[in-house]
Protein backbone atom coordinates (compact mmCIF):
# COMPACT_ATOMS: atom_id res chain seq x y z
CA MET A 1 -23.80 -21.77 -76.04
CA ASP A 2 -24.59 -18.48 -74.26
CA PRO A 3 -28.44 -17.64 -73.60
CA GLU A 4 -28.37 -14.75 -75.11
CA THR A 5 -28.76 -14.34 -78.84
CA PRO A 6 -27.26 -11.98 -81.24
CA PHE A 7 -29.91 -10.63 -83.77
CA ASN A 8 -31.21 -7.10 -86.47
CA ILE A 9 -34.23 -5.37 -85.22
CA SER A 10 -34.77 -2.93 -88.00
CA THR A 11 -36.57 0.51 -87.45
CA SER A 12 -38.60 2.72 -89.28
CA ASP A 13 -36.11 4.99 -90.96
CA GLY A 14 -33.61 2.50 -92.00
CA GLU A 15 -31.56 2.13 -89.50
CA THR A 16 -30.38 -1.54 -87.98
CA LEU A 17 -30.12 -2.10 -84.11
CA TYR A 18 -27.85 -4.85 -82.77
CA ALA A 19 -30.22 -6.89 -80.05
CA TRP A 20 -29.92 -9.65 -77.58
CA HIS A 21 -32.55 -12.71 -76.85
CA VAL A 22 -31.37 -13.39 -73.23
CA LEU A 23 -33.16 -16.54 -72.27
CA PRO A 24 -34.26 -17.09 -68.74
CA LEU A 25 -32.41 -19.62 -67.37
CA ALA A 26 -34.82 -22.33 -66.28
CA LYS A 27 -35.70 -22.28 -69.94
CA TYR A 28 -32.57 -22.62 -70.86
CA THR A 29 -31.11 -25.40 -69.30
CA ALA A 30 -34.71 -27.65 -70.22
CA ASN A 31 -34.17 -26.94 -74.23
CA GLU A 32 -30.58 -27.01 -73.92
CA LYS A 33 -29.89 -29.70 -76.50
CA ALA A 34 -32.49 -28.20 -79.20
CA LEU A 35 -30.81 -24.33 -78.64
CA LEU A 36 -26.94 -25.59 -78.99
CA ASP A 37 -28.50 -27.05 -82.80
CA ASP A 38 -29.35 -23.22 -83.33
CA PRO A 39 -26.66 -21.26 -85.22
CA THR A 40 -23.74 -19.29 -83.12
CA GLY A 41 -23.55 -15.44 -83.75
CA PRO A 42 -25.95 -12.56 -84.61
CA ALA A 43 -28.94 -14.73 -85.98
CA ALA A 44 -30.78 -14.40 -89.53
CA GLN A 45 -33.25 -15.97 -89.18
CA PHE A 46 -33.31 -15.31 -85.56
CA THR A 47 -37.88 -16.01 -85.75
CA GLU A 48 -36.55 -19.94 -87.20
CA THR A 49 -33.76 -20.64 -84.13
CA ALA A 50 -35.51 -22.72 -81.01
CA ALA A 51 -34.61 -19.65 -78.57
CA PHE A 52 -37.74 -17.61 -80.70
CA ALA A 53 -39.66 -20.37 -80.74
CA LEU A 54 -39.24 -20.49 -76.53
CA LEU A 55 -40.00 -17.04 -76.42
CA SER A 56 -43.06 -16.48 -78.50
CA THR A 57 -44.92 -19.56 -78.57
CA ASP A 58 -45.25 -19.99 -74.49
CA PRO A 59 -48.15 -18.13 -73.32
CA LEU A 60 -46.42 -18.25 -70.06
CA SER A 61 -43.24 -15.68 -70.68
CA ARG A 62 -43.03 -12.22 -69.66
CA LEU A 63 -40.98 -9.68 -71.77
CA VAL A 64 -38.65 -7.01 -70.46
CA ILE A 65 -37.03 -4.81 -72.34
CA ASN A 66 -34.35 -3.26 -71.03
CA PHE A 67 -33.39 0.86 -72.08
CA HIS A 68 -29.69 0.76 -71.14
CA GLY A 69 -27.65 3.90 -70.05
CA ASN A 70 -25.57 6.27 -71.79
CA ALA A 71 -21.75 4.19 -71.94
CA GLY A 72 -21.18 1.97 -73.97
CA THR A 73 -23.36 -1.74 -75.05
CA VAL A 74 -24.84 -3.97 -74.18
CA ALA A 75 -22.23 -6.38 -73.18
CA GLN A 76 -20.37 -3.49 -71.48
CA GLY A 77 -19.35 -3.90 -67.37
CA TRP A 78 -21.39 -5.69 -65.80
CA ARG A 79 -25.14 -5.04 -68.62
CA THR A 80 -24.56 -8.59 -68.99
CA ASP A 81 -25.02 -9.50 -64.93
CA THR A 82 -28.20 -6.43 -65.02
CA CYS A 83 -30.15 -9.17 -68.17
CA ARG A 84 -29.55 -11.63 -65.91
CA ALA A 85 -30.82 -10.03 -62.48
CA LEU A 86 -33.87 -8.89 -64.68
CA SER A 87 -34.64 -13.03 -65.92
CA ALA A 88 -34.40 -13.58 -61.58
CA GLY A 89 -37.60 -13.15 -60.71
CA ALA A 90 -38.87 -15.95 -62.99
CA SER A 91 -36.40 -18.51 -63.90
CA GLY A 92 -38.45 -20.33 -66.50
CA ASN A 93 -41.16 -17.29 -67.80
CA ILE A 94 -39.26 -13.94 -67.75
CA HIS A 95 -37.02 -13.12 -71.18
CA VAL A 96 -35.13 -9.97 -71.73
CA LEU A 97 -34.56 -8.45 -75.08
CA ALA A 98 -31.86 -5.63 -75.22
CA PHE A 99 -30.55 -3.57 -77.84
CA ASP A 100 -28.58 -0.85 -78.95
CA TYR A 101 -29.35 2.53 -79.91
CA ARG A 102 -28.29 4.21 -83.15
CA GLY A 103 -24.52 4.90 -83.29
CA PHE A 104 -23.72 2.47 -80.55
CA GLY A 105 -21.77 -0.85 -80.42
CA TYR A 106 -22.31 -2.88 -83.36
CA SER A 107 -26.25 -0.75 -84.34
CA THR A 108 -25.55 1.95 -87.53
CA GLY A 109 -26.09 5.38 -87.61
CA SER A 110 -25.91 8.10 -84.99
CA PRO A 111 -27.75 8.99 -81.71
CA ASP A 112 -30.22 12.02 -81.45
CA GLU A 113 -32.66 12.44 -79.51
CA GLN A 114 -35.80 11.25 -81.68
CA GLY A 115 -32.71 8.32 -83.17
CA LEU A 116 -33.22 6.88 -80.06
CA ILE A 117 -36.95 7.18 -79.10
CA THR A 118 -37.78 5.48 -82.67
CA ASP A 119 -35.47 2.83 -82.08
CA GLY A 120 -37.26 2.12 -78.44
CA VAL A 121 -40.60 2.15 -80.79
CA ALA A 122 -39.28 -0.48 -83.38
CA ALA A 123 -37.92 -3.06 -80.53
CA VAL A 124 -41.24 -2.64 -78.94
CA GLN A 125 -42.65 -3.12 -82.16
CA TRP A 126 -40.60 -5.97 -82.77
CA ALA A 127 -41.65 -7.27 -79.54
CA MET A 128 -45.57 -6.91 -80.09
CA ASP A 129 -45.60 -7.60 -84.20
CA ILE A 130 -43.41 -9.99 -84.41
CA ALA A 131 -42.56 -12.40 -81.23
CA GLY A 132 -46.32 -11.84 -80.53
CA ILE A 133 -45.98 -10.66 -76.88
CA PRO A 134 -48.95 -8.76 -76.06
CA PRO A 135 -48.12 -5.79 -74.24
CA GLU A 136 -49.98 -6.91 -70.70
CA ARG A 137 -46.95 -8.84 -70.90
CA ILE A 138 -44.22 -6.72 -71.29
CA VAL A 139 -42.61 -4.83 -69.23
CA LEU A 140 -39.98 -1.77 -69.82
CA VAL A 141 -37.07 -0.76 -67.41
CA GLY A 142 -34.76 1.80 -67.96
CA GLN A 143 -31.33 3.23 -65.88
CA SER A 144 -30.76 6.49 -66.55
CA LEU A 145 -30.33 8.14 -69.60
CA GLY A 146 -32.42 4.97 -70.79
CA THR A 147 -34.94 5.72 -68.30
CA ALA A 148 -35.66 8.92 -70.75
CA VAL A 149 -36.15 6.75 -73.27
CA ALA A 150 -39.10 3.89 -71.94
CA ALA A 151 -40.40 7.29 -70.86
CA ALA A 152 -40.62 8.40 -74.79
CA VAL A 153 -41.73 4.99 -75.30
CA ALA A 154 -43.80 5.00 -73.21
CA GLU A 155 -46.02 8.10 -73.91
CA GLN A 156 -45.89 7.76 -77.44
CA PHE A 157 -47.77 4.35 -77.30
CA ALA A 158 -50.28 5.75 -74.55
CA ARG A 159 -50.87 8.76 -76.44
CA VAL A 160 -50.22 7.34 -80.10
CA SER A 161 -52.50 3.79 -79.94
CA ARG A 162 -53.87 3.30 -76.62
CA ILE A 163 -51.28 0.88 -75.73
CA GLU A 164 -50.25 0.25 -71.99
CA PHE A 165 -47.75 -1.99 -70.93
CA ALA A 166 -47.37 -4.22 -68.05
CA GLY A 167 -45.39 -2.08 -66.04
CA ILE A 168 -43.19 0.72 -66.46
CA VAL A 169 -39.48 0.56 -63.96
CA LEU A 170 -37.14 3.95 -64.41
CA ILE A 171 -34.01 3.74 -62.30
CA ALA A 172 -31.74 6.82 -61.78
CA SER A 173 -34.28 8.64 -63.94
CA PHE A 174 -34.07 12.47 -64.59
CA SER A 175 -36.57 15.41 -65.04
CA ASP A 176 -35.21 16.86 -68.18
CA MET A 177 -31.64 17.05 -69.45
CA PRO A 178 -31.94 21.14 -68.98
CA THR A 179 -32.83 20.57 -65.13
CA LEU A 180 -29.99 17.40 -64.68
CA LEU A 181 -26.97 19.06 -66.59
CA LEU A 182 -27.20 22.38 -63.08
CA THR A 183 -27.31 19.29 -60.54
CA TYR A 184 -24.34 16.97 -62.34
CA SER A 185 -21.55 15.97 -61.22
CA ILE A 186 -19.63 13.06 -62.97
CA SER A 187 -18.54 10.44 -60.68
CA GLY A 188 -19.92 12.80 -57.72
CA LEU A 189 -16.36 14.71 -58.29
CA ILE A 190 -16.92 16.57 -61.53
CA PRO A 191 -20.22 19.34 -61.57
CA ILE A 192 -21.25 19.92 -64.93
CA LEU A 193 -22.94 23.75 -63.93
CA SER A 194 -23.92 24.73 -60.76
CA PRO A 195 -20.25 25.74 -60.37
CA LEU A 196 -22.30 28.46 -61.92
CA LYS A 197 -25.29 28.16 -59.53
CA PRO A 198 -24.54 31.95 -58.20
CA TYR A 199 -25.03 33.36 -61.58
CA PRO A 200 -28.85 32.11 -62.47
CA ALA A 201 -28.15 34.60 -66.35
CA LEU A 202 -24.95 31.84 -67.08
CA GLN A 203 -26.58 29.14 -66.56
CA LYS A 204 -29.56 29.95 -68.86
CA TRP A 205 -26.99 31.67 -71.03
CA PHE A 206 -25.90 27.68 -71.42
CA LEU A 207 -28.71 26.11 -71.55
CA ARG A 208 -29.71 27.78 -74.52
CA TYR A 209 -27.60 25.19 -76.22
CA VAL A 210 -29.06 22.00 -74.45
CA ARG A 211 -31.03 20.75 -78.38
CA GLU A 212 -31.00 17.60 -76.68
CA THR A 213 -34.03 18.20 -73.91
CA TRP A 214 -35.28 15.11 -72.58
CA GLN A 215 -38.57 16.45 -71.53
CA THR A 216 -39.24 13.07 -69.47
CA SER A 217 -41.49 14.76 -66.79
CA LEU A 218 -43.88 16.19 -69.77
CA ARG A 219 -43.79 12.79 -70.75
CA ILE A 220 -44.21 10.92 -67.59
CA ALA A 221 -47.55 13.47 -67.12
CA SER A 222 -48.13 12.89 -70.41
CA LEU A 223 -48.24 9.28 -70.50
CA VAL A 224 -50.47 9.30 -67.20
CA ARG A 225 -52.51 10.96 -68.20
CA ASN A 226 -53.58 9.35 -71.55
CA SER A 227 -53.52 5.61 -69.88
CA LYS A 228 -56.24 4.04 -67.89
CA LYS A 229 -54.14 2.05 -66.21
CA VAL A 230 -50.28 3.04 -65.29
CA ASN A 231 -47.62 0.68 -63.44
CA LEU A 232 -44.96 2.93 -62.85
CA HIS A 233 -41.78 2.51 -60.55
CA LEU A 234 -39.09 4.85 -59.33
CA ILE A 235 -35.52 3.54 -58.41
CA HIS A 236 -33.85 5.72 -56.83
CA ALA A 237 -29.63 5.80 -54.60
CA LYS A 238 -30.37 8.54 -51.83
CA ASN A 239 -26.51 8.73 -52.16
CA ASP A 240 -26.11 8.23 -56.45
CA PHE A 241 -24.19 11.52 -56.88
CA ASP A 242 -24.34 12.28 -60.47
CA ILE A 243 -27.65 12.18 -60.70
CA SER A 244 -29.45 13.02 -57.51
CA TRP A 245 -32.24 11.40 -55.89
CA LYS A 246 -34.59 14.12 -56.30
CA HIS A 247 -35.54 13.88 -59.53
CA ALA A 248 -37.13 10.59 -58.72
CA GLU A 249 -38.88 12.80 -56.29
CA SER A 250 -39.86 15.33 -58.98
CA LEU A 251 -41.30 12.34 -61.25
CA PHE A 252 -43.04 10.74 -58.59
CA TYR A 253 -45.58 14.28 -57.96
CA THR A 254 -45.29 14.97 -61.54
CA ALA A 255 -46.68 11.33 -61.92
CA ALA A 256 -49.60 11.26 -58.90
CA ASN A 257 -50.04 15.17 -59.92
CA ALA A 258 -51.32 13.90 -63.03
CA THR A 259 -53.72 10.96 -62.11
CA THR A 260 -56.07 13.86 -61.00
CA ALA A 261 -58.13 15.96 -62.38
CA SER A 262 -57.79 19.76 -61.51
CA GLY A 263 -53.81 19.10 -60.10
CA MET A 264 -52.77 18.93 -56.09
CA SER A 265 -50.26 20.34 -54.09
CA LEU A 266 -46.65 18.64 -53.32
CA LYS A 267 -48.55 19.52 -49.96
CA GLN A 268 -51.82 17.43 -50.11
CA ILE A 269 -49.90 14.28 -51.78
CA ASP A 270 -48.03 14.04 -49.26
CA GLY A 271 -50.69 13.84 -47.74
CA ALA A 272 -52.56 10.93 -48.95
CA LYS A 273 -49.65 8.92 -50.35
CA PHE A 274 -48.39 6.30 -48.39
CA HIS A 275 -45.05 5.74 -46.84
CA GLN A 276 -43.19 2.69 -45.97
CA ASP A 277 -39.92 3.39 -43.53
CA LEU A 278 -37.01 0.26 -44.71
CA GLY A 279 -34.68 1.50 -42.02
CA GLU A 280 -31.50 1.20 -43.64
CA GLY A 281 -32.92 -0.76 -47.24
CA GLY A 282 -34.66 3.19 -47.68
CA TRP A 283 -38.09 4.18 -48.26
CA ILE A 284 -41.01 3.04 -50.95
CA ASP A 285 -43.87 5.87 -51.59
CA SER A 286 -46.86 5.03 -53.02
CA TRP A 287 -49.92 6.48 -54.94
CA ASN A 288 -52.44 4.12 -55.99
CA SER A 289 -55.65 6.14 -58.37
CA ASP A 290 -58.53 3.87 -57.46
CA GLY A 291 -56.30 1.07 -58.33
CA MET A 292 -55.79 1.52 -61.81
CA LYS A 293 -53.13 4.10 -61.77
CA LYS A 294 -49.90 2.78 -59.07
CA ILE A 295 -46.92 5.02 -58.90
CA SER A 296 -43.96 4.52 -56.68
CA LYS A 297 -40.86 5.41 -55.75
CA HIS A 298 -38.25 3.33 -53.88
CA MET A 299 -35.50 5.12 -52.63
CA VAL A 300 -32.92 2.54 -51.35
CA ARG A 301 -29.82 4.61 -49.51
CA TYR A 302 -26.98 2.87 -51.19
CA GLY A 303 -25.89 2.16 -54.37
CA GLY A 304 -24.62 5.07 -55.82
CA ASN A 305 -24.70 5.57 -59.81
CA TRP A 306 -24.35 2.00 -60.36
CA THR A 307 -27.09 1.88 -62.84
CA ALA A 308 -26.10 3.88 -65.70
CA THR A 309 -23.83 1.61 -66.68
């Protein structure tokens, strides 16, 4: 039996999401006999399984909710390796919840911006209400498109319910879809709108027809302003030729600026941030607002856009 248990999550608008609960390896190994008695395949009554009990009854359990990118499903490519890596920090305590958005894989429905946000909210509500994991033991991790979904979900919980999570990690993020389209290149080779850079009026005309705008920059600012505590991490590769690392740079400044009442210039933020040079490992910029709102940007020199898959 694999450490992943498939099951379904229902959304508020009637869609069904295909999801995986990925057990920490040490937890799986210690409870293998009981887990082998669980039924194989999607669990119709997941809350009655041994895997669910290991998540919901352990006060030391931590949950990472993974929001994947736009290509494929939870089982695509090295996403299974990603799930395992996410739990590697504490192999006995860190569980992973991975799910497919509507219209992806076995999930029902058709994808759109509001629908994907609804899906993310449903996953978090399941974790808190069904599994009983409090938000201070939940980390949201988004990759590529998933960064926009995770940021929107975190912002909605902060603004509407004043719920704050243990951490939010955005890997290969972008400030908003229109800005991304101006710089995006497929595999770093096929540009989308950048050839029209000498013709700003024509670029603007094309961008008028972008329906899903994914305003992550605005949502990050709202998240920071509506939270008492924030633990936000931006991770990006300098050699990401699909999504420029400048997007993470922009989001870092946006988040840092939102911690202040009157706002700060980029120069002021650069003068006050903590910068750590890691040599070939890249660099880390950190912003700490009274120990309550912590924002970091970790730029690795190499890595490309593996995070989008």
